[in-house]
Amino acid sequence: MLALAATFIGFSAFKFVDSKIQSDVTLYFHGDPTDEDDVKNPSLWTEETNGETCEGDQLACAMEVDPSDAVGTEGQRELNSATITLDAEETDEGFIPTEGSGTTSPTGIIESYNRD
């Protein structure tokens, strides 16, 4: 009986972590990646795909955030400026997003994808 309870608890914890990972929101960049102010602008990061491959490390392209860091209706959300403040890091090609000092979200940007 104890083994059954431990198995159930272990499975439930795994299922919770798995569902948490799957619930992240991907936001795509819709601005000029060579413009620092565009990369910092939360309204230019939305769920609508931007048609880029988002591979490489030179220009802003997409990021994954916790659902609490996105506002709007599913499929049309954008970055929540109340929980995440963006800074922009300069690269040889333009800018990529980084979390700003005003970020209040406990999770913030999970991962940032860039375009070539």
PDB file of N, CA and C in Angstrom:
ATOM      1  N   MET A   1       0.824  -1.190   0.000  1.00  0.00           N
ATOM      2  CA  MET A   1       0.000   0.000   0.000  1.00  0.00           C
ATOM      3  C   MET A   1       0.878   1.267   0.000  1.00  0.00           C
ATOM      4  N   LEU A   2       1.937   1.249   0.797  1.00  0.00           N
ATOM      5  CA  LEU A   2       2.841   2.392   0.870  1.00  0.00           C
ATOM      6  C   LEU A   2       3.549   2.607  -0.473  1.00  0.00           C
ATOM      7  N   ALA A   3       3.933   1.523  -1.125  1.00  0.00           N
ATOM      8  CA  ALA A   3       4.583   1.618  -2.433  1.00  0.00           C
ATOM      9  C   ALA A   3       3.629   2.209  -3.467  1.00  0.00           C
ATOM     10  N   LEU A   4       2.371   1.825  -3.386  1.00  0.00           N
ATOM     11  CA  LEU A   4       1.371   2.355  -4.314  1.00  0.00           C
ATOM     12  C   LEU A   4       1.196   3.867  -4.115  1.00  0.00           C
ATOM     13  N   ALA A   5       1.150   4.312  -2.873  1.00  0.00           N
ATOM     14  CA  ALA A   5       1.007   5.741  -2.569  1.00  0.00           C
ATOM     15  C   ALA A   5       2.223   6.522  -3.061  1.00  0.00           C
ATOM     16  N   ALA A   6       3.420   5.969  -2.845  1.00  0.00           N
ATOM     17  CA  ALA A   6       4.644   6.642  -3.304  1.00  0.00           C
ATOM     18  C   ALA A   6       4.672   6.739  -4.820  1.00  0.00           C
ATOM     19  N   THR A   7       4.240   5.686  -5.482  1.00  0.00           N
ATOM     20  CA  THR A   7       4.193   5.692  -6.947  1.00  0.00           C
ATOM     21  C   THR A   7       3.219   6.756  -7.442  1.00  0.00           C
ATOM     22  N   PHE A   8       2.045   6.841  -6.816  1.00  0.00           N
ATOM     23  CA  PHE A   8       1.045   7.829  -7.206  1.00  0.00           C
ATOM     24  C   PHE A   8       1.559   9.249  -7.014  1.00  0.00           C
ATOM     25  N   ILE A   9       2.187   9.506  -5.879  1.00  0.00           N
ATOM     26  CA  ILE A   9       2.724  10.845  -5.589  1.00  0.00           C
ATOM     27  C   ILE A   9       3.826  11.194  -6.585  1.00  0.00           C
ATOM     28  N   GLY A  10       4.718  10.250  -6.854  1.00  0.00           N
ATOM     29  CA  GLY A  10       5.792  10.481  -7.824  1.00  0.00           C
ATOM     30  C   GLY A  10       5.250  10.766  -9.207  1.00  0.00           C
ATOM     31  N   PHE A  11       4.253  10.009  -9.643  1.00  0.00           N
ATOM     32  CA  PHE A  11       3.652  10.212 -10.959  1.00  0.00           C
ATOM     33  C   PHE A  11       2.957  11.568 -11.019  1.00  0.00           C
ATOM     34  N   SER A  12       2.253  11.936  -9.965  1.00  0.00           N
ATOM     35  CA  SER A  12       1.546  13.216  -9.934  1.00  0.00           C
ATOM     36  C   SER A  12       2.525  14.386 -10.020  1.00  0.00           C
ATOM     37  N   ALA A  13       3.638  14.295  -9.307  1.00  0.00           N
ATOM     38  CA  ALA A  13       4.642  15.360  -9.340  1.00  0.00           C
ATOM     39  C   ALA A  13       5.241  15.482 -10.731  1.00  0.00           C
ATOM     40  N   PHE A  14       5.544  14.341 -11.359  1.00  0.00           N
ATOM     41  CA  PHE A  14       6.083  14.351 -12.713  1.00  0.00           C
ATOM     42  C   PHE A  14       5.090  14.967 -13.682  1.00  0.00           C
ATOM     43  N   LYS A  15       3.838  14.609 -13.556  1.00  0.00           N
ATOM     44  CA  LYS A  15       2.791  15.124 -14.439  1.00  0.00           C
ATOM     45  C   LYS A  15       2.660  16.637 -14.271  1.00  0.00           C
ATOM     46  N   PHE A  16       2.755  17.142 -13.023  1.00  0.00           N
ATOM     47  CA  PHE A  16       2.672  18.575 -12.765  1.00  0.00           C
ATOM     48  C   PHE A  16       3.825  19.312 -13.439  1.00  0.00           C
ATOM     49  N   VAL A  17       5.048  18.816 -13.273  1.00  0.00           N
ATOM     50  CA  VAL A  17       6.220  19.450 -13.874  1.00  0.00           C
ATOM     51  C   VAL A  17       6.103  19.425 -15.385  1.00  0.00           C
ATOM     52  N   ASP A  18       5.660  18.295 -15.947  1.00  0.00           N
ATOM     53  CA  ASP A  18       5.505  18.163 -17.382  1.00  0.00           C
ATOM     54  C   ASP A  18       4.480  19.172 -17.913  1.00  0.00           C
ATOM     55  N   SER A  19       3.365  19.349 -17.216  1.00  0.00           N
ATOM     56  CA  SER A  19       2.349  20.291 -17.679  1.00  0.00           C
ATOM     57  C   SER A  19       2.850  21.725 -17.558  1.00  0.00           C
ATOM     58  N   LYS A  20       3.667  22.025 -16.557  1.00  0.00           N
ATOM     59  CA  LYS A  20       4.234  23.359 -16.378  1.00  0.00           C
ATOM     60  C   LYS A  20       5.159  23.701 -17.543  1.00  0.00           C
ATOM     61  N   ILE A  21       5.988  22.737 -17.943  1.00  0.00           N
ATOM     62  CA  ILE A  21       6.907  22.966 -19.048  1.00  0.00           C
ATOM     63  C   ILE A  21       6.125  23.221 -20.333  1.00  0.00           C
ATOM     64  N   GLN A  22       5.069  22.485 -20.556  1.00  0.00           N
ATOM     65  CA  GLN A  22       4.301  22.600 -21.784  1.00  0.00           C
ATOM     66  C   GLN A  22       3.457  23.869 -21.841  1.00  0.00           C
ATOM     67  N   SER A  23       3.276  24.546 -20.730  1.00  0.00           N
ATOM     68  CA  SER A  23       2.396  25.705 -20.725  1.00  0.00           C
ATOM     69  C   SER A  23       3.106  27.023 -21.042  1.00  0.00           C
ATOM     70  N   ASP A  24       4.414  26.988 -21.294  1.00  0.00           N
ATOM     71  CA  ASP A  24       5.130  28.211 -21.640  1.00  0.00           C
ATOM     72  C   ASP A  24       4.558  28.817 -22.918  1.00  0.00           C
ATOM     73  N   VAL A  25       4.654  30.124 -23.025  1.00  0.00           N
ATOM     74  CA  VAL A  25       4.124  30.856 -24.184  1.00  0.00           C
ATOM     75  C   VAL A  25       5.299  31.342 -25.029  1.00  0.00           C
ATOM     76  N   THR A  26       5.250  31.073 -26.327  1.00  0.00           N
ATOM     77  CA  THR A  26       6.270  31.583 -27.240  1.00  0.00           C
ATOM     78  C   THR A  26       5.789  32.896 -27.832  1.00  0.00           C
ATOM     79  N   LEU A  27       6.599  33.924 -27.656  1.00  0.00           N
ATOM     80  CA  LEU A  27       6.303  35.252 -28.201  1.00  0.00           C
ATOM     81  C   LEU A  27       7.337  35.570 -29.282  1.00  0.00           C
ATOM     82  N   TYR A  28       6.866  36.099 -30.401  1.00  0.00           N
ATOM     83  CA  TYR A  28       7.712  36.390 -31.557  1.00  0.00           C
ATOM     84  C   TYR A  28       7.904  37.897 -31.706  1.00  0.00           C
ATOM     85  N   PHE A  29       9.083  38.268 -32.164  1.00  0.00           N
ATOM     86  CA  PHE A  29       9.441  39.674 -32.314  1.00  0.00           C
ATOM     87  C   PHE A  29       8.958  40.213 -33.657  1.00  0.00           C
ATOM     88  N   HIS A  30       8.277  41.371 -33.626  1.00  0.00           N
ATOM     89  CA  HIS A  30       7.746  42.017 -34.826  1.00  0.00           C
ATOM     90  C   HIS A  30       8.235  43.457 -34.924  1.00  0.00           C
ATOM     91  N   GLY A  31       9.532  43.613 -34.949  1.00  0.00           N
ATOM     92  CA  GLY A  31      10.106  44.949 -35.050  1.00  0.00           C
ATOM     93  C   GLY A  31      11.423  44.895 -35.791  1.00  0.00           C
ATOM     94  N   ASP A  32      12.175  45.955 -35.690  1.00  0.00           N
ATOM     95  CA  ASP A  32      13.484  46.052 -36.328  1.00  0.00           C
ATOM     96  C   ASP A  32      14.537  45.580 -35.321  1.00  0.00           C
ATOM     97  N   PRO A  33      15.184  44.425 -35.567  1.00  0.00           N
ATOM     98  CA  PRO A  33      16.154  43.907 -34.603  1.00  0.00           C
ATOM     99  C   PRO A  33      17.441  44.726 -34.531  1.00  0.00           C
ATOM    100  N   THR A  34      17.583  45.727 -35.388  1.00  0.00           N
ATOM    101  CA  THR A  34      18.739  46.617 -35.290  1.00  0.00           C
ATOM    102  C   THR A  34      18.403  47.892 -34.528  1.00  0.00           C
ATOM    103  N   ASP A  35      17.166  47.983 -34.028  1.00  0.00           N
ATOM    104  CA  ASP A  35      16.703  49.146 -33.260  1.00  0.00           C
ATOM    105  C   ASP A  35      16.528  48.723 -31.798  1.00  0.00           C
ATOM    106  N   GLU A  36      17.377  49.242 -30.933  1.00  0.00           N
ATOM    107  CA  GLU A  36      17.354  48.884 -29.517  1.00  0.00           C
ATOM    108  C   GLU A  36      15.985  49.128 -28.880  1.00  0.00           C
ATOM    109  N   ASP A  37      15.348  50.245 -29.206  1.00  0.00           N
ATOM    110  CA  ASP A  37      14.041  50.570 -28.627  1.00  0.00           C
ATOM    111  C   ASP A  37      12.973  49.573 -29.070  1.00  0.00           C
ATOM    112  N   ASP A  38      13.029  49.101 -30.323  1.00  0.00           N
ATOM    113  CA  ASP A  38      12.082  48.091 -30.792  1.00  0.00           C
ATOM    114  C   ASP A  38      12.236  46.797 -29.992  1.00  0.00           C
ATOM    115  N   VAL A  39      13.469  46.349 -29.781  1.00  0.00           N
ATOM    116  CA  VAL A  39      13.705  45.095 -29.057  1.00  0.00           C
ATOM    117  C   VAL A  39      13.193  45.200 -27.626  1.00  0.00           C
ATOM    118  N   LYS A  40      13.264  46.379 -27.020  1.00  0.00           N
ATOM    119  CA  LYS A  40      12.798  46.597 -25.648  1.00  0.00           C
ATOM    120  C   LYS A  40      11.279  46.779 -25.543  1.00  0.00           C
ATOM    121  N   ASN A  41      10.599  47.008 -26.650  1.00  0.00           N
ATOM    122  CA  ASN A  41       9.173  47.325 -26.659  1.00  0.00           C
ATOM    123  C   ASN A  41       8.324  46.063 -26.468  1.00  0.00           C
ATOM    124  N   PRO A  42       7.629  45.907 -25.332  1.00  0.00           N
ATOM    125  CA  PRO A  42       6.851  44.688 -25.074  1.00  0.00           C
ATOM    126  C   PRO A  42       5.720  44.454 -26.068  1.00  0.00           C
ATOM    127  N   SER A  43       5.172  45.515 -26.658  1.00  0.00           N
ATOM    128  CA  SER A  43       4.062  45.333 -27.597  1.00  0.00           C
ATOM    129  C   SER A  43       4.514  44.734 -28.928  1.00  0.00           C
ATOM    130  N   LEU A  44       5.823  44.705 -29.180  1.00  0.00           N
ATOM    131  CA  LEU A  44       6.343  44.103 -30.408  1.00  0.00           C
ATOM    132  C   LEU A  44       6.664  42.618 -30.236  1.00  0.00           C
ATOM    133  N   TRP A  45       6.380  42.062 -29.062  1.00  0.00           N
ATOM    134  CA  TRP A  45       6.586  40.636 -28.778  1.00  0.00           C
ATOM    135  C   TRP A  45       5.204  40.004 -28.611  1.00  0.00           C
ATOM    136  N   THR A  46       4.726  39.289 -29.644  1.00  0.00           N
ATOM    137  CA  THR A  46       3.380  38.711 -29.631  1.00  0.00           C
ATOM    138  C   THR A  46       3.416  37.237 -30.013  1.00  0.00           C
ATOM    139  N   GLU A  47       2.275  36.555 -29.792  1.00  0.00           N
ATOM    140  CA  GLU A  47       2.163  35.143 -30.150  1.00  0.00           C
ATOM    141  C   GLU A  47       2.087  34.905 -31.650  1.00  0.00           C
ATOM    142  N   GLU A  48       1.756  35.923 -32.413  1.00  0.00           N
ATOM    143  CA  GLU A  48       1.678  35.763 -33.869  1.00  0.00           C
ATOM    144  C   GLU A  48       3.076  35.478 -34.418  1.00  0.00           C
ATOM    145  N   THR A  49       3.197  34.391 -35.175  1.00  0.00           N
ATOM    146  CA  THR A  49       4.503  34.023 -35.715  1.00  0.00           C
ATOM    147  C   THR A  49       5.043  35.119 -36.631  1.00  0.00           C
ATOM    148  N   ASN A  50       6.365  35.235 -36.668  1.00  0.00           N
ATOM    149  CA  ASN A  50       6.982  36.256 -37.519  1.00  0.00           C
ATOM    150  C   ASN A  50       7.595  35.653 -38.779  1.00  0.00           C
ATOM    151  N   GLY A  51       7.457  34.358 -38.978  1.00  0.00           N
ATOM    152  CA  GLY A  51       7.947  33.709 -40.189  1.00  0.00           C
ATOM    153  C   GLY A  51       9.448  33.475 -40.230  1.00  0.00           C
ATOM    154  N   GLU A  52      10.149  33.744 -39.139  1.00  0.00           N
ATOM    155  CA  GLU A  52      11.598  33.533 -39.073  1.00  0.00           C
ATOM    156  C   GLU A  52      11.898  32.139 -38.524  1.00  0.00           C
ATOM    157  N   THR A  53      13.105  31.630 -38.788  1.00  0.00           N
ATOM    158  CA  THR A  53      13.499  30.323 -38.263  1.00  0.00           C
ATOM    159  C   THR A  53      13.955  30.408 -36.810  1.00  0.00           C
ATOM    160  N   CYS A  54      14.335  31.578 -36.361  1.00  0.00           N
ATOM    161  CA  CYS A  54      14.744  31.816 -34.975  1.00  0.00           C
ATOM    162  C   CYS A  54      15.875  30.892 -34.530  1.00  0.00           C
ATOM    163  N   GLU A  55      16.893  30.814 -35.343  1.00  0.00           N
ATOM    164  CA  GLU A  55      18.107  30.081 -34.992  1.00  0.00           C
ATOM    165  C   GLU A  55      19.279  31.037 -35.131  1.00  0.00           C
ATOM    166  N   GLY A  56      20.315  30.810 -34.369  1.00  0.00           N
ATOM    167  CA  GLY A  56      21.477  31.693 -34.403  1.00  0.00           C
ATOM    168  C   GLY A  56      21.516  32.553 -33.158  1.00  0.00           C
ATOM    169  N   ASP A  57      22.357  33.564 -33.151  1.00  0.00           N
ATOM    170  CA  ASP A  57      22.512  34.340 -31.925  1.00  0.00           C
ATOM    171  C   ASP A  57      22.779  35.818 -32.169  1.00  0.00           C
ATOM    172  N   GLN A  58      22.312  36.355 -33.286  1.00  0.00           N
ATOM    173  CA  GLN A  58      22.665  37.729 -33.594  1.00  0.00           C
ATOM    174  C   GLN A  58      21.532  38.735 -33.494  1.00  0.00           C
ATOM    175  N   LEU A  59      20.283  38.325 -33.751  1.00  0.00           N
ATOM    176  CA  LEU A  59      19.180  39.278 -33.786  1.00  0.00           C
ATOM    177  C   LEU A  59      17.958  38.754 -33.042  1.00  0.00           C
ATOM    178  N   ALA A  60      17.181  39.648 -32.435  1.00  0.00           N
ATOM    179  CA  ALA A  60      15.960  39.284 -31.714  1.00  0.00           C
ATOM    180  C   ALA A  60      15.009  38.528 -32.641  1.00  0.00           C
ATOM    181  N   CYS A  61      14.346  37.490 -32.112  1.00  0.00           N
ATOM    182  CA  CYS A  61      13.412  36.724 -32.937  1.00  0.00           C
ATOM    183  C   CYS A  61      12.227  36.190 -32.132  1.00  0.00           C
ATOM    184  N   ALA A  62      12.475  35.419 -31.066  1.00  0.00           N
ATOM    185  CA  ALA A  62      11.396  34.840 -30.274  1.00  0.00           C
ATOM    186  C   ALA A  62      11.883  34.562 -28.864  1.00  0.00           C
ATOM    187  N   MET A  63      10.939  34.400 -27.943  1.00  0.00           N
ATOM    188  CA  MET A  63      11.282  34.034 -26.557  1.00  0.00           C
ATOM    189  C   MET A  63      10.142  33.216 -25.969  1.00  0.00           C
ATOM    190  N   GLU A  64      10.473  32.421 -24.976  1.00  0.00           N
ATOM    191  CA  GLU A  64       9.458  31.680 -24.236  1.00  0.00           C
ATOM    192  C   GLU A  64       9.349  32.296 -22.851  1.00  0.00           C
ATOM    193  N   VAL A  65       8.100  32.517 -22.426  1.00  0.00           N
ATOM    194  CA  VAL A  65       7.853  33.101 -21.111  1.00  0.00           C
ATOM    195  C   VAL A  65       6.779  32.291 -20.390  1.00  0.00           C
ATOM    196  N   ASP A  66       6.708  32.461 -19.116  1.00  0.00           N
ATOM    197  CA  ASP A  66       5.640  31.884 -18.320  1.00  0.00           C
ATOM    198  C   ASP A  66       4.323  32.543 -18.762  1.00  0.00           C
ATOM    199  N   PRO A  67       3.213  31.798 -18.780  1.00  0.00           N
ATOM    200  CA  PRO A  67       1.936  32.391 -19.195  1.00  0.00           C
ATOM    201  C   PRO A  67       1.554  33.654 -18.421  1.00  0.00           C
ATOM    202  N   SER A  68       1.999  33.768 -17.174  1.00  0.00           N
ATOM    203  CA  SER A  68       1.677  34.970 -16.393  1.00  0.00           C
ATOM    204  C   SER A  68       2.422  36.201 -16.904  1.00  0.00           C
ATOM    205  N   ASP A  69       3.415  35.986 -17.771  1.00  0.00           N
ATOM    206  CA  ASP A  69       4.177  37.094 -18.332  1.00  0.00           C
ATOM    207  C   ASP A  69       3.677  37.509 -19.715  1.00  0.00           C
ATOM    208  N   ALA A  70       2.475  37.021 -20.073  1.00  0.00           N
ATOM    209  CA  ALA A  70       1.839  37.396 -21.341  1.00  0.00           C
ATOM    210  C   ALA A  70       0.421  37.863 -21.037  1.00  0.00           C
ATOM    211  N   VAL A  71      -0.038  38.872 -21.745  1.00  0.00           N
ATOM    212  CA  VAL A  71      -1.395  39.396 -21.549  1.00  0.00           C
ATOM    213  C   VAL A  71      -2.174  39.321 -22.850  1.00  0.00           C
ATOM    214  N   GLY A  72      -3.498  39.212 -22.727  1.00  0.00           N
ATOM    215  CA  GLY A  72      -4.379  39.116 -23.881  1.00  0.00           C
ATOM    216  C   GLY A  72      -5.004  37.735 -23.952  1.00  0.00           C
ATOM    217  N   THR A  73      -5.734  37.502 -25.017  1.00  0.00           N
ATOM    218  CA  THR A  73      -6.383  36.210 -25.194  1.00  0.00           C
ATOM    219  C   THR A  73      -5.428  35.241 -25.881  1.00  0.00           C
ATOM    220  N   GLU A  74      -5.589  33.951 -25.578  1.00  0.00           N
ATOM    221  CA  GLU A  74      -4.704  32.942 -26.136  1.00  0.00           C
ATOM    222  C   GLU A  74      -4.644  33.048 -27.655  1.00  0.00           C
ATOM    223  N   GLY A  75      -3.439  33.003 -28.187  1.00  0.00           N
ATOM    224  CA  GLY A  75      -3.224  33.145 -29.614  1.00  0.00           C
ATOM    225  C   GLY A  75      -2.950  34.580 -30.031  1.00  0.00           C
ATOM    226  N   GLN A  76      -3.301  35.530 -29.145  1.00  0.00           N
ATOM    227  CA  GLN A  76      -3.106  36.949 -29.449  1.00  0.00           C
ATOM    228  C   GLN A  76      -2.414  37.672 -28.293  1.00  0.00           C
ATOM    229  N   ARG A  77      -1.719  36.922 -27.452  1.00  0.00           N
ATOM    230  CA  ARG A  77      -1.068  37.536 -26.288  1.00  0.00           C
ATOM    231  C   ARG A  77       0.198  38.294 -26.698  1.00  0.00           C
ATOM    232  N   GLU A  78       0.593  39.224 -25.826  1.00  0.00           N
ATOM    233  CA  GLU A  78       1.851  39.943 -25.982  1.00  0.00           C
ATOM    234  C   GLU A  78       2.544  39.987 -24.628  1.00  0.00           C
ATOM    235  N   LEU A  79       3.786  40.393 -24.617  1.00  0.00           N
ATOM    236  CA  LEU A  79       4.574  40.449 -23.394  1.00  0.00           C
ATOM    237  C   LEU A  79       3.931  41.405 -22.397  1.00  0.00           C
ATOM    238  N   ASN A  80       3.837  40.980 -21.156  1.00  0.00           N
ATOM    239  CA  ASN A  80       3.222  41.772 -20.098  1.00  0.00           C
ATOM    240  C   ASN A  80       4.257  42.735 -19.515  1.00  0.00           C
ATOM    241  N   SER A  81       4.126  44.002 -19.835  1.00  0.00           N
ATOM    242  CA  SER A  81       5.093  44.998 -19.365  1.00  0.00           C
ATOM    243  C   SER A  81       5.016  45.232 -17.860  1.00  0.00           C
ATOM    244  N   ALA A  82       3.955  44.735 -17.216  1.00  0.00           N
ATOM    245  CA  ALA A  82       3.848  44.868 -15.760  1.00  0.00           C
ATOM    246  C   ALA A  82       4.708  43.838 -15.032  1.00  0.00           C
ATOM    247  N   THR A  83       5.064  42.742 -15.710  1.00  0.00           N
ATOM    248  CA  THR A  83       5.869  41.703 -15.056  1.00  0.00           C
ATOM    249  C   THR A  83       7.264  41.566 -15.636  1.00  0.00           C
ATOM    250  N   ILE A  84       7.471  41.995 -16.875  1.00  0.00           N
ATOM    251  CA  ILE A  84       8.799  41.886 -17.493  1.00  0.00           C
ATOM    252  C   ILE A  84       9.168  43.223 -18.118  1.00  0.00           C
ATOM    253  N   THR A  85      10.341  43.687 -17.796  1.00  0.00           N
ATOM    254  CA  THR A  85      10.926  44.842 -18.440  1.00  0.00           C
ATOM    255  C   THR A  85      12.096  44.329 -19.269  1.00  0.00           C
ATOM    256  N   LEU A  86      12.128  44.670 -20.544  1.00  0.00           N
ATOM    257  CA  LEU A  86      13.200  44.205 -21.409  1.00  0.00           C
ATOM    258  C   LEU A  86      14.320  45.218 -21.525  1.00  0.00           C
ATOM    259  N   ASP A  87      15.529  44.706 -21.578  1.00  0.00           N
ATOM    260  CA  ASP A  87      16.691  45.462 -21.997  1.00  0.00           C
ATOM    261  C   ASP A  87      17.128  44.836 -23.311  1.00  0.00           C
ATOM    262  N   ALA A  88      18.050  45.456 -23.995  1.00  0.00           N
ATOM    263  CA  ALA A  88      18.554  44.920 -25.257  1.00  0.00           C
ATOM    264  C   ALA A  88      20.075  44.872 -25.202  1.00  0.00           C
ATOM    265  N   GLU A  89      20.607  43.721 -25.568  1.00  0.00           N
ATOM    266  CA  GLU A  89      22.057  43.545 -25.605  1.00  0.00           C
ATOM    267  C   GLU A  89      22.521  43.675 -27.052  1.00  0.00           C
ATOM    268  N   GLU A  90      23.533  44.497 -27.262  1.00  0.00           N
ATOM    269  CA  GLU A  90      24.030  44.713 -28.621  1.00  0.00           C
ATOM    270  C   GLU A  90      24.902  43.543 -29.068  1.00  0.00           C
ATOM    271  N   THR A  91      24.710  43.120 -30.312  1.00  0.00           N
ATOM    272  CA  THR A  91      25.532  42.087 -30.933  1.00  0.00           C
ATOM    273  C   THR A  91      26.204  42.703 -32.163  1.00  0.00           C
ATOM    274  N   ASP A  92      26.966  41.916 -32.884  1.00  0.00           N
ATOM    275  CA  ASP A  92      27.596  42.416 -34.109  1.00  0.00           C
ATOM    276  C   ASP A  92      26.563  42.791 -35.166  1.00  0.00           C
ATOM    277  N   GLU A  93      25.385  42.151 -35.107  1.00  0.00           N
ATOM    278  CA  GLU A  93      24.360  42.341 -36.132  1.00  0.00           C
ATOM    279  C   GLU A  93      23.237  43.292 -35.724  1.00  0.00           C
ATOM    280  N   GLY A  94      22.991  43.435 -34.437  1.00  0.00           N
ATOM    281  CA  GLY A  94      21.873  44.250 -33.954  1.00  0.00           C
ATOM    282  C   GLY A  94      21.698  44.078 -32.458  1.00  0.00           C
ATOM    283  N   PHE A  95      20.477  43.657 -32.034  1.00  0.00           N
ATOM    284  CA  PHE A  95      20.181  43.522 -30.606  1.00  0.00           C
ATOM    285  C   PHE A  95      19.417  42.235 -30.315  1.00  0.00           C
ATOM    286  N   ILE A  96      19.619  41.719 -29.113  1.00  0.00           N
ATOM    287  CA  ILE A  96      18.852  40.591 -28.604  1.00  0.00           C
ATOM    288  C   ILE A  96      18.264  41.002 -27.259  1.00  0.00           C
ATOM    289  N   PRO A  97      17.120  40.407 -26.857  1.00  0.00           N
ATOM    290  CA  PRO A  97      16.481  40.818 -25.600  1.00  0.00           C
ATOM    291  C   PRO A  97      17.159  40.210 -24.379  1.00  0.00           C
ATOM    292  N   THR A  98      17.162  40.981 -23.299  1.00  0.00           N
ATOM    293  CA  THR A  98      17.566  40.493 -21.984  1.00  0.00           C
ATOM    294  C   THR A  98      16.562  41.032 -20.978  1.00  0.00           C
ATOM    295  N   GLU A  99      16.478  40.394 -19.824  1.00  0.00           N
ATOM    296  CA  GLU A  99      15.577  40.887 -18.782  1.00  0.00           C
ATOM    297  C   GLU A  99      16.132  42.165 -18.189  1.00  0.00           C
ATOM    298  N   GLY A 100      15.263  43.153 -18.028  1.00  0.00           N
ATOM    299  CA  GLY A 100      15.675  44.417 -17.446  1.00  0.00           C
ATOM    300  C   GLY A 100      15.642  44.379 -15.934  1.00  0.00           C
ATOM    301  N   SER A 101      16.163  45.387 -15.318  1.00  0.00           N
ATOM    302  CA  SER A 101      16.243  45.453 -13.863  1.00  0.00           C
ATOM    303  C   SER A 101      14.876  45.611 -13.210  1.00  0.00           C
ATOM    304  N   GLY A 102      13.875  46.044 -13.956  1.00  0.00           N
ATOM    305  CA  GLY A 102      12.544  46.232 -13.396  1.00  0.00           C
ATOM    306  C   GLY A 102      11.674  44.994 -13.441  1.00  0.00           C
ATOM    307  N   THR A 103      12.218  43.877 -13.883  1.00  0.00           N
ATOM    308  CA  THR A 103      11.420  42.668 -14.016  1.00  0.00           C
ATOM    309  C   THR A 103      10.946  42.184 -12.656  1.00  0.00           C
ATOM    310  N   THR A 104       9.633  41.991 -12.525  1.00  0.00           N
ATOM    311  CA  THR A 104       9.072  41.530 -11.255  1.00  0.00           C
ATOM    312  C   THR A 104       8.643  40.074 -11.310  1.00  0.00           C
ATOM    313  N   SER A 105       8.630  39.489 -12.487  1.00  0.00           N
ATOM    314  CA  SER A 105       8.179  38.110 -12.621  1.00  0.00           C
ATOM    315  C   SER A 105       9.152  37.148 -11.944  1.00  0.00           C
ATOM    316  N   PRO A 106       8.619  36.142 -11.252  1.00  0.00           N
ATOM    317  CA  PRO A 106       9.520  35.160 -10.635  1.00  0.00           C
ATOM    318  C   PRO A 106      10.161  34.240 -11.667  1.00  0.00           C
ATOM    319  N   THR A 107       9.565  34.122 -12.850  1.00  0.00           N
ATOM    320  CA  THR A 107      10.126  33.222 -13.854  1.00  0.00           C
ATOM    321  C   THR A 107      10.803  33.982 -14.984  1.00  0.00           C
ATOM    322  N   GLY A 108      10.218  35.072 -15.424  1.00  0.00           N
ATOM    323  CA  GLY A 108      10.815  35.884 -16.471  1.00  0.00           C
ATOM    324  C   GLY A 108      10.981  35.134 -17.778  1.00  0.00           C
ATOM    325  N   ILE A 109      11.959  35.560 -18.544  1.00  0.00           N
ATOM    326  CA  ILE A 109      12.239  34.947 -19.836  1.00  0.00           C
ATOM    327  C   ILE A 109      12.871  33.584 -19.588  1.00  0.00           C
ATOM    328  N   ILE A 110      12.253  32.562 -20.120  1.00  0.00           N
ATOM    329  CA  ILE A 110      12.785  31.222 -19.959  1.00  0.00           C
ATOM    330  C   ILE A 110      13.921  30.998 -20.930  1.00  0.00           C
ATOM    331  N   GLU A 111      13.699  31.346 -22.157  1.00  0.00           N
ATOM    332  CA  GLU A 111      14.707  31.147 -23.169  1.00  0.00           C
ATOM    333  C   GLU A 111      14.453  32.122 -24.301  1.00  0.00           C
ATOM    334  N   SER A 112      15.489  32.637 -24.866  1.00  0.00           N
ATOM    335  CA  SER A 112      15.346  33.574 -25.973  1.00  0.00           C
ATOM    336  C   SER A 112      15.917  32.933 -27.234  1.00  0.00           C
ATOM    337  N   TYR A 113      15.175  33.013 -28.318  1.00  0.00           N
ATOM    338  CA  TYR A 113      15.632  32.497 -29.602  1.00  0.00           C
ATOM    339  C   TYR A 113      15.948  33.677 -30.494  1.00  0.00           C
ATOM    340  N   ASN A 114      17.004  33.545 -31.248  1.00  0.00           N
ATOM    341  CA  ASN A 114      17.476  34.647 -32.087  1.00  0.00           C
ATOM    342  C   ASN A 114      17.513  34.212 -33.543  1.00  0.00           C
ATOM    343  N   ARG A 115      17.601  35.165 -34.425  1.00  0.00           N
ATOM    344  CA  ARG A 115      17.673  34.821 -35.854  1.00  0.00           C
ATOM    345  C   ARG A 115      19.044  35.173 -36.414  1.00  0.00           C
ATOM    346  N   ASP A 116      19.415  34.451 -37.459  1.00  0.00           N
ATOM    347  CA  ASP A 116      20.719  34.671 -38.113  1.00  0.00           C
ATOM    348  C   ASP A 116      20.787  36.031 -38.757  1.00  0.00           C
TER     349      ASP A 116
END
